[in-house]
N, C-alpha and C. Protein backbone atom coordinates (compact mmCIF):
# COMPACT_ATOMS: atom_id res chain seq x y z
N MET A 1 18.90 -31.59 -13.33
CA MET A 1 19.46 -31.50 -11.99
C MET A 1 19.51 -30.04 -11.58
N SER A 2 18.93 -29.75 -10.46
CA SER A 2 18.81 -28.38 -9.97
C SER A 2 19.81 -28.13 -8.84
N THR A 3 20.42 -26.98 -8.90
CA THR A 3 21.35 -26.62 -7.84
C THR A 3 20.63 -25.76 -6.80
N ALA A 4 21.26 -25.55 -5.68
CA ALA A 4 20.69 -24.73 -4.63
C ALA A 4 20.48 -23.30 -5.12
N TRP A 5 21.39 -22.80 -5.95
CA TRP A 5 21.27 -21.45 -6.48
C TRP A 5 20.04 -21.32 -7.39
N ASP A 6 19.81 -22.33 -8.23
CA ASP A 6 18.63 -22.33 -9.10
C ASP A 6 17.35 -22.30 -8.27
N ASP A 7 17.32 -23.08 -7.20
CA ASP A 7 16.15 -23.10 -6.31
C ASP A 7 15.94 -21.73 -5.67
N GLU A 8 17.02 -21.08 -5.28
CA GLU A 8 16.93 -19.76 -4.65
C GLU A 8 16.40 -18.73 -5.64
N ILE A 9 16.87 -18.78 -6.87
CA ILE A 9 16.40 -17.86 -7.91
C ILE A 9 14.90 -18.06 -8.13
N GLU A 10 14.46 -19.29 -8.23
CA GLU A 10 13.04 -19.58 -8.41
C GLU A 10 12.21 -19.07 -7.23
N ARG A 11 12.73 -19.24 -6.03
CA ARG A 11 12.02 -18.77 -4.83
C ARG A 11 11.88 -17.26 -4.86
N ARG A 12 12.95 -16.57 -5.22
CA ARG A 12 12.91 -15.11 -5.28
C ARG A 12 11.94 -14.62 -6.34
N ILE A 13 11.90 -15.29 -7.47
CA ILE A 13 10.95 -14.92 -8.53
C ILE A 13 9.52 -15.06 -8.01
N ARG A 14 9.23 -16.16 -7.32
CA ARG A 14 7.89 -16.35 -6.76
C ARG A 14 7.54 -15.27 -5.76
N VAL A 15 8.49 -14.89 -4.92
CA VAL A 15 8.24 -13.85 -3.92
C VAL A 15 7.91 -12.52 -4.59
N TYR A 16 8.69 -12.14 -5.60
CA TYR A 16 8.42 -10.87 -6.29
C TYR A 16 7.11 -10.91 -7.06
N GLU A 17 6.75 -12.06 -7.63
CA GLU A 17 5.47 -12.17 -8.31
C GLU A 17 4.32 -12.02 -7.33
N GLU A 18 4.45 -12.60 -6.13
CA GLU A 18 3.42 -12.45 -5.10
C GLU A 18 3.30 -10.99 -4.66
N LEU A 19 4.44 -10.30 -4.52
CA LEU A 19 4.40 -8.89 -4.15
C LEU A 19 3.68 -8.06 -5.20
N GLU A 20 3.93 -8.33 -6.45
CA GLU A 20 3.25 -7.60 -7.53
C GLU A 20 1.75 -7.85 -7.50
N GLN A 21 1.35 -9.08 -7.23
CA GLN A 21 -0.07 -9.42 -7.19
C GLN A 21 -0.77 -8.77 -5.99
N ASN A 22 -0.06 -8.67 -4.87
CA ASN A 22 -0.66 -8.15 -3.64
C ASN A 22 -0.59 -6.63 -3.54
N GLY A 23 -0.02 -5.96 -4.51
CA GLY A 23 -0.01 -4.50 -4.49
C GLY A 23 1.21 -3.88 -3.84
N GLY A 24 2.28 -4.57 -3.69
CA GLY A 24 3.50 -3.95 -3.20
C GLY A 24 3.95 -4.47 -1.85
N ILE A 25 4.91 -3.80 -1.33
CA ILE A 25 5.54 -4.21 -0.07
C ILE A 25 4.82 -3.54 1.09
N ALA A 26 4.40 -4.32 2.06
CA ALA A 26 3.74 -3.77 3.24
C ALA A 26 4.73 -2.96 4.05
N GLY A 27 4.31 -1.82 4.54
CA GLY A 27 5.17 -0.98 5.35
C GLY A 27 6.04 -0.04 4.55
N ARG A 28 5.83 0.04 3.27
CA ARG A 28 6.61 0.94 2.42
C ARG A 28 6.28 2.38 2.76
N LEU A 29 7.30 3.24 2.77
CA LEU A 29 7.08 4.64 3.08
C LEU A 29 6.36 5.34 1.95
N GLY A 30 5.43 6.20 2.31
CA GLY A 30 4.68 6.97 1.32
C GLY A 30 5.08 8.43 1.36
N MET A 31 4.38 9.24 0.57
CA MET A 31 4.69 10.67 0.48
C MET A 31 4.51 11.37 1.83
N VAL A 32 3.48 11.00 2.57
CA VAL A 32 3.26 11.62 3.89
C VAL A 32 4.42 11.32 4.83
N ASP A 33 4.92 10.10 4.79
CA ASP A 33 6.05 9.71 5.64
C ASP A 33 7.30 10.53 5.31
N TYR A 34 7.59 10.66 4.02
CA TYR A 34 8.76 11.42 3.61
C TYR A 34 8.60 12.90 3.95
N THR A 35 7.40 13.44 3.78
CA THR A 35 7.15 14.84 4.14
C THR A 35 7.36 15.05 5.63
N ALA A 36 6.86 14.14 6.45
CA ALA A 36 7.04 14.25 7.90
C ALA A 36 8.52 14.16 8.27
N LEU A 37 9.27 13.28 7.62
CA LEU A 37 10.70 13.17 7.91
C LEU A 37 11.44 14.45 7.56
N VAL A 38 11.12 15.03 6.41
CA VAL A 38 11.77 16.28 6.01
C VAL A 38 11.42 17.39 6.98
N ALA A 39 10.14 17.47 7.38
CA ALA A 39 9.72 18.49 8.34
C ALA A 39 10.44 18.32 9.67
N MET A 40 10.59 17.10 10.14
CA MET A 40 11.28 16.84 11.40
C MET A 40 12.74 17.27 11.31
N VAL A 41 13.40 16.97 10.19
CA VAL A 41 14.80 17.35 10.02
C VAL A 41 14.93 18.87 10.02
N VAL A 42 14.03 19.56 9.32
CA VAL A 42 14.09 21.02 9.26
C VAL A 42 13.87 21.62 10.65
N VAL A 43 12.90 21.11 11.38
CA VAL A 43 12.62 21.63 12.73
C VAL A 43 13.81 21.36 13.65
N LEU A 44 14.36 20.17 13.61
CA LEU A 44 15.51 19.85 14.47
C LEU A 44 16.73 20.69 14.10
N ALA A 45 17.01 20.80 12.81
CA ALA A 45 18.17 21.59 12.39
C ALA A 45 17.97 23.05 12.77
N GLY A 46 16.78 23.59 12.54
CA GLY A 46 16.49 24.97 12.93
C GLY A 46 16.58 25.18 14.43
N GLY A 47 16.08 24.22 15.18
CA GLY A 47 16.15 24.31 16.64
C GLY A 47 17.59 24.31 17.15
N PHE A 48 18.40 23.41 16.64
CA PHE A 48 19.79 23.37 17.07
C PHE A 48 20.56 24.60 16.59
N TRP A 49 20.22 25.12 15.40
CA TRP A 49 20.85 26.32 14.91
C TRP A 49 20.50 27.50 15.82
N ALA A 50 19.23 27.62 16.20
CA ALA A 50 18.80 28.71 17.08
C ALA A 50 19.41 28.54 18.48
N TRP A 51 19.46 27.34 18.96
CA TRP A 51 20.01 27.07 20.28
C TRP A 51 21.49 27.44 20.31
N GLY A 52 22.20 27.11 19.27
CA GLY A 52 23.63 27.42 19.21
C GLY A 52 23.88 28.88 18.93
N GLY A 53 22.91 29.58 18.33
CA GLY A 53 23.07 30.98 17.98
C GLY A 53 22.74 31.93 19.12
N ILE A 54 22.16 31.42 20.20
CA ILE A 54 21.77 32.30 21.32
C ILE A 54 22.97 32.61 22.18
């Protein structure tokens, strides 16, 4: 006799197995994305620092 929780666990296992077979999660951030985010934060922080310092 299977409970709803057991069915959910089995479903999640299947989903993760499919993700492993397909090469990962679509839309995952890569190194370029993180580099661009860091650059944007630095530029914005520097801009606001310069704007407030004038």
